[in-house]
Amino acid sequence: MQATRINHISARVMAVLALIALTAVATGYFQSPRPDEGTAAHIFQLSVVMAAAVAALFVVTANWRRPAHSVRPLVLPAVLMLAAFAALYYLEHFYYPAHYR
């Protein structure tokens, strides 16, 4: 029973951390590029590392006798994290070079 509760909480925490990572990247679209990393970059990095640690906790506490049910909570955090990395790639490779030449 305790493992199930930890699993549900870790799934929610992963989603929140992925949303924080996406928000940190999104703030870069409203700022000019800096020669050094800003606070948002550090928040993004910390949220990604913490999400990885929470994902490990999720995997350990998951009920793998029902894999489809266990993997379903990972969909939202995975989509949000992919969106954050895609937005970061676009920001660094296309947005900044095109708008700040």
C-alpha atoms as a PDB file:
ATOM      1  CA  MET A   1       0.000   0.000   0.000  1.00  0.00           C
ATOM      2  CA  GLN A   2       2.796   2.414   0.867  1.00  0.00           C
ATOM      3  CA  ALA A   3       4.642   1.738  -2.403  1.00  0.00           C
ATOM      4  CA  THR A   4       1.498   2.526  -4.387  1.00  0.00           C
ATOM      5  CA  ARG A   5       1.095   5.853  -2.628  1.00  0.00           C
ATOM      6  CA  ILE A   6       4.754   6.755  -3.182  1.00  0.00           C
ATOM      7  CA  ASN A   7       4.363   5.794  -6.827  1.00  0.00           C
ATOM      8  CA  HIS A   8       1.374   8.114  -7.314  1.00  0.00           C
ATOM      9  CA  ILE A   9       3.101  10.986  -5.548  1.00  0.00           C
ATOM     10  CA  SER A  10       6.295  10.535  -7.551  1.00  0.00           C
ATOM     11  CA  ALA A  11       4.290  10.590 -10.798  1.00  0.00           C
ATOM     12  CA  ARG A  12       2.779  13.935  -9.827  1.00  0.00           C
ATOM     13  CA  VAL A  13       6.134  15.333  -8.732  1.00  0.00           C
ATOM     14  CA  MET A  14       7.659  14.331 -12.081  1.00  0.00           C
ATOM     15  CA  ALA A  15       4.890  16.180 -13.916  1.00  0.00           C
ATOM     16  CA  VAL A  16       5.436  19.306 -11.813  1.00  0.00           C
ATOM     17  CA  LEU A  17       9.207  19.192 -12.366  1.00  0.00           C
ATOM     18  CA  ALA A  18       8.724  18.768 -16.112  1.00  0.00           C
ATOM     19  CA  LEU A  19       6.363  21.743 -16.124  1.00  0.00           C
ATOM     20  CA  ILE A  20       8.944  23.789 -14.204  1.00  0.00           C
ATOM     21  CA  ALA A  21      11.583  22.841 -16.798  1.00  0.00           C
ATOM     22  CA  LEU A  22       9.285  23.895 -19.656  1.00  0.00           C
ATOM     23  CA  THR A  23       8.457  27.173 -17.930  1.00  0.00           C
ATOM     24  CA  ALA A  24      12.138  27.910 -17.320  1.00  0.00           C
ATOM     25  CA  VAL A  25      12.870  27.436 -21.017  1.00  0.00           C
ATOM     26  CA  ALA A  26       9.836  29.502 -22.028  1.00  0.00           C
ATOM     27  CA  THR A  27      11.150  32.480 -20.060  1.00  0.00           C
ATOM     28  CA  GLY A  28      14.151  32.530 -22.402  1.00  0.00           C
ATOM     29  CA  TYR A  29      11.896  33.650 -25.248  1.00  0.00           C
ATOM     30  CA  PHE A  30      11.208  36.898 -23.394  1.00  0.00           C
ATOM     31  CA  GLN A  31      14.832  37.751 -22.579  1.00  0.00           C
ATOM     32  CA  SER A  32      17.811  38.732 -24.656  1.00  0.00           C
ATOM     33  CA  PRO A  33      20.636  36.183 -24.851  1.00  0.00           C
ATOM     34  CA  ARG A  34      23.275  36.440 -22.171  1.00  0.00           C
ATOM     35  CA  PRO A  35      26.954  35.569 -22.396  1.00  0.00           C
ATOM     36  CA  ASP A  36      26.604  33.436 -19.263  1.00  0.00           C
ATOM     37  CA  GLU A  37      23.821  31.161 -18.082  1.00  0.00           C
ATOM     38  CA  GLY A  38      21.115  32.849 -16.100  1.00  0.00           C
ATOM     39  CA  THR A  39      18.916  31.684 -13.265  1.00  0.00           C
ATOM     40  CA  ALA A  40      16.422  30.052 -15.619  1.00  0.00           C
ATOM     41  CA  ALA A  41      19.135  27.799 -17.015  1.00  0.00           C
ATOM     42  CA  HIS A  42      20.041  26.604 -13.538  1.00  0.00           C
ATOM     43  CA  ILE A  43      16.387  26.040 -12.659  1.00  0.00           C
ATOM     44  CA  PHE A  44      16.007  23.996 -15.851  1.00  0.00           C
ATOM     45  CA  GLN A  45      19.086  21.911 -15.054  1.00  0.00           C
ATOM     46  CA  LEU A  46      18.019  21.257 -11.473  1.00  0.00           C
ATOM     47  CA  SER A  47      14.483  20.318 -12.475  1.00  0.00           C
ATOM     48  CA  VAL A  48      15.771  17.829 -15.039  1.00  0.00           C
ATOM     49  CA  VAL A  49      18.137  16.201 -12.533  1.00  0.00           C
ATOM     50  CA  MET A  50      15.456  16.071  -9.853  1.00  0.00           C
ATOM     51  CA  ALA A  51      12.950  14.622 -12.338  1.00  0.00           C
ATOM     52  CA  ALA A  52      15.439  11.866 -13.154  1.00  0.00           C
ATOM     53  CA  ALA A  53      15.819  11.054  -9.456  1.00  0.00           C
ATOM     54  CA  VAL A  54      12.055  11.001  -8.956  1.00  0.00           C
ATOM     55  CA  ALA A  55      11.692   8.829 -12.072  1.00  0.00           C
ATOM     56  CA  ALA A  56      14.004   6.291 -10.465  1.00  0.00           C
ATOM     57  CA  LEU A  57      11.796   6.297  -7.372  1.00  0.00           C
ATOM     58  CA  PHE A  58       8.754   5.859  -9.616  1.00  0.00           C
ATOM     59  CA  VAL A  59      10.292   2.872 -11.400  1.00  0.00           C
ATOM     60  CA  VAL A  60      11.261   1.207  -8.123  1.00  0.00           C
ATOM     61  CA  THR A  61       7.781   1.572  -6.625  1.00  0.00           C
ATOM     62  CA  ALA A  62       5.786   0.695  -9.768  1.00  0.00           C
ATOM     63  CA  ASN A  63       3.671  -2.439 -10.000  1.00  0.00           C
ATOM     64  CA  TRP A  64       5.243  -4.125 -13.014  1.00  0.00           C
ATOM     65  CA  ARG A  65       2.700  -6.956 -13.038  1.00  0.00           C
ATOM     66  CA  ARG A  66       0.474  -4.419 -14.811  1.00  0.00           C
ATOM     67  CA  PRO A  67       2.933  -2.574 -17.091  1.00  0.00           C
ATOM     68  CA  ALA A  68       0.352  -0.624 -19.095  1.00  0.00           C
ATOM     69  CA  HIS A  69      -1.144   0.749 -15.903  1.00  0.00           C
ATOM     70  CA  SER A  70       2.298   1.544 -14.505  1.00  0.00           C
ATOM     71  CA  VAL A  71       3.562   3.399 -17.573  1.00  0.00           C
ATOM     72  CA  ARG A  72       0.473   5.554 -18.105  1.00  0.00           C
ATOM     73  CA  PRO A  73       1.433   8.193 -15.478  1.00  0.00           C
ATOM     74  CA  LEU A  74       4.727   8.741 -17.318  1.00  0.00           C
ATOM     75  CA  VAL A  75       3.051  10.083 -20.461  1.00  0.00           C
ATOM     76  CA  LEU A  76       2.443  13.662 -19.273  1.00  0.00           C
ATOM     77  CA  PRO A  77       5.906  14.178 -17.744  1.00  0.00           C
ATOM     78  CA  ALA A  78       7.532  12.684 -20.846  1.00  0.00           C
ATOM     79  CA  VAL A  79       5.600  14.967 -23.193  1.00  0.00           C
ATOM     80  CA  LEU A  80       6.361  18.029 -21.069  1.00  0.00           C
ATOM     81  CA  MET A  81      10.058  17.168 -20.839  1.00  0.00           C
ATOM     82  CA  LEU A  82      10.277  16.551 -24.594  1.00  0.00           C
ATOM     83  CA  ALA A  83       8.580  19.900 -25.178  1.00  0.00           C
ATOM     84  CA  ALA A  84      11.080  21.581 -22.840  1.00  0.00           C
ATOM     85  CA  PHE A  85      14.072  20.108 -24.647  1.00  0.00           C
ATOM     86  CA  ALA A  86      12.567  20.886 -28.065  1.00  0.00           C
ATOM     87  CA  ALA A  87      11.897  24.479 -26.997  1.00  0.00           C
ATOM     88  CA  LEU A  88      15.438  24.779 -25.656  1.00  0.00           C
ATOM     89  CA  TYR A  89      16.902  23.442 -28.903  1.00  0.00           C
ATOM     90  CA  TYR A  90      14.820  25.856 -30.974  1.00  0.00           C
ATOM     91  CA  LEU A  91      15.690  28.748 -28.654  1.00  0.00           C
ATOM     92  CA  GLU A  92      19.426  28.198 -28.855  1.00  0.00           C
ATOM     93  CA  HIS A  93      19.758  27.183 -32.504  1.00  0.00           C
ATOM     94  CA  PHE A  94      17.127  29.211 -34.333  1.00  0.00           C
ATOM     95  CA  TYR A  95      15.461  31.867 -32.163  1.00  0.00           C
ATOM     96  CA  TYR A  96      18.506  33.636 -30.730  1.00  0.00           C
ATOM     97  CA  PRO A  97      20.597  33.592 -33.931  1.00  0.00           C
ATOM     98  CA  ALA A  98      17.685  34.908 -36.043  1.00  0.00           C
ATOM     99  CA  HIS A  99      16.502  37.634 -33.674  1.00  0.00           C
ATOM    100  CA  TYR A 100      19.736  38.943 -32.218  1.00  0.00           C
ATOM    101  CA  ARG A 101      22.206  39.358 -35.061  1.00  0.00           C
END
